[in-house]
Protein backbone atom coordinates (compact mmCIF):
# COMPACT_ATOMS: atom_id res chain seq x y z
CA MET A 1 100.85 97.21 89.46
CA SER A 2 97.97 96.98 87.02
CA ASN A 3 97.72 93.21 87.56
CA PRO A 4 94.94 92.61 90.13
CA LYS A 5 96.72 89.46 91.36
CA TYR A 6 99.78 91.50 92.39
CA VAL A 7 97.62 94.14 93.98
CA GLU A 8 95.88 91.54 96.12
CA ASP A 9 99.02 89.51 96.95
CA PHE A 10 101.05 92.53 97.99
CA ALA A 11 98.16 94.56 99.43
CA TYR A 12 99.29 97.47 97.27
CA LEU A 13 97.26 100.66 97.47
CA GLY A 14 98.31 103.01 94.69
CA PRO A 15 98.36 106.79 94.80
CA HIS A 16 95.10 106.80 92.83
CA ILE A 17 93.29 105.57 95.99
CA LYS A 18 91.75 108.59 97.72
CA ASN A 19 92.93 109.01 101.33
CA ARG A 20 95.05 105.85 101.07
CA ASN A 21 97.19 107.04 103.97
CA LYS A 22 94.17 106.57 106.25
CA LEU A 23 93.79 102.96 105.08
CA MET A 24 97.31 101.89 106.07
CA ARG A 25 99.29 101.58 109.26
CA ASP A 26 103.00 101.03 109.68
CA HIS A 27 105.39 100.44 112.57
CA ASP A 28 105.69 104.01 113.86
CA ASN A 29 103.31 106.59 115.32
CA ASP A 30 103.75 109.02 112.43
CA THR A 31 100.54 108.70 110.42
CA SER A 32 101.78 111.03 107.66
CA ASN A 33 104.09 108.37 106.15
CA ASN A 34 101.90 105.26 106.19
CA TYR A 35 101.70 105.22 102.39
CA GLN A 36 105.45 104.61 102.10
CA GLN A 37 105.10 100.92 102.89
CA SER A 38 102.88 100.51 99.85
CA ASP A 39 105.27 102.54 97.71
CA VAL A 40 108.18 100.27 98.73
CA VAL A 41 106.20 97.31 97.40
CA SER A 42 105.65 99.10 94.10
CA ILE A 43 109.33 99.96 93.69
CA LEU A 44 110.59 96.50 94.62
CA THR A 45 108.16 94.64 92.35
CA ASN A 46 109.16 96.92 89.48
CA LEU A 47 112.88 97.00 90.26
CA GLY A 48 113.74 95.46 86.89
CA ALA A 49 112.25 98.48 85.11
CA ILE A 50 114.02 101.09 87.23
CA PRO A 51 117.18 102.50 85.59
CA ASP A 52 120.37 100.97 87.04
CA TYR A 53 121.60 104.48 87.89
CA VAL A 54 118.67 104.90 90.29
CA ALA A 55 118.52 101.31 91.60
CA ARG A 56 122.17 101.45 92.68
CA LYS A 57 121.84 104.78 94.51
CA PHE A 58 118.65 104.75 96.53
CA HIS A 59 118.36 102.98 99.89
CA LEU A 60 115.24 101.89 101.69
CA GLY A 61 114.84 104.05 104.75
CA PRO A 62 112.71 106.83 106.18
CA ASN A 63 113.23 109.14 103.19
CA PHE A 64 113.46 106.58 100.42
CA ALA A 65 110.58 108.10 98.43
CA VAL A 66 112.19 111.55 98.37
CA ASP A 67 115.59 110.06 97.51
CA PHE A 68 114.09 107.82 94.83
CA MET A 69 112.31 110.69 93.11
CA GLY A 70 115.43 112.86 93.34
CA PHE A 71 117.56 110.16 91.70
CA MET A 72 114.91 109.69 89.00
CA ASP A 73 114.97 113.44 88.33
CA GLU A 74 118.78 113.30 88.03
CA TYR A 75 118.52 110.36 85.64
CA LYS A 76 115.93 112.11 83.47
CA HIS A 77 118.09 115.25 83.28
CA GLN A 78 121.18 113.22 82.34
CA PHE A 79 119.13 111.25 79.80
CA GLU A 80 118.10 114.47 78.09
CA GLU A 81 121.67 115.83 78.06
CA LYS A 82 123.13 112.56 76.78
CA ASN A 83 120.49 111.77 74.15
CA GLY A 84 119.24 115.21 73.15
CA ILE A 85 115.63 114.21 73.73
CA LYS A 86 113.36 114.78 76.70
CA TRP A 87 112.59 111.85 79.00
CA GLU A 88 108.93 111.06 78.24
CA TYR A 89 108.51 107.63 79.82
CA THR A 90 107.15 108.85 83.14
CA ASN A 91 105.56 112.00 84.39
CA LYS A 92 104.15 113.36 87.62
């Protein structure tokens, strides 16, 4: 999401934006999860770069972010076991 055109077109607010949750509103009254809408956009626009293992397992829903990160953690662990090297492509 480093392309400014995508950011504008999709109204993406990344986690680097301070207090981004206060800048967004979604369909429910729970203000603690407003950022998830923006995170869905990020995942879907980058779906081609997400490992098939993860893309096939996660479902968009109320806990998609938690599920997505859990499946990525599983994938990273399996990657390390299978290849003998630590997954270094992403970090927290």
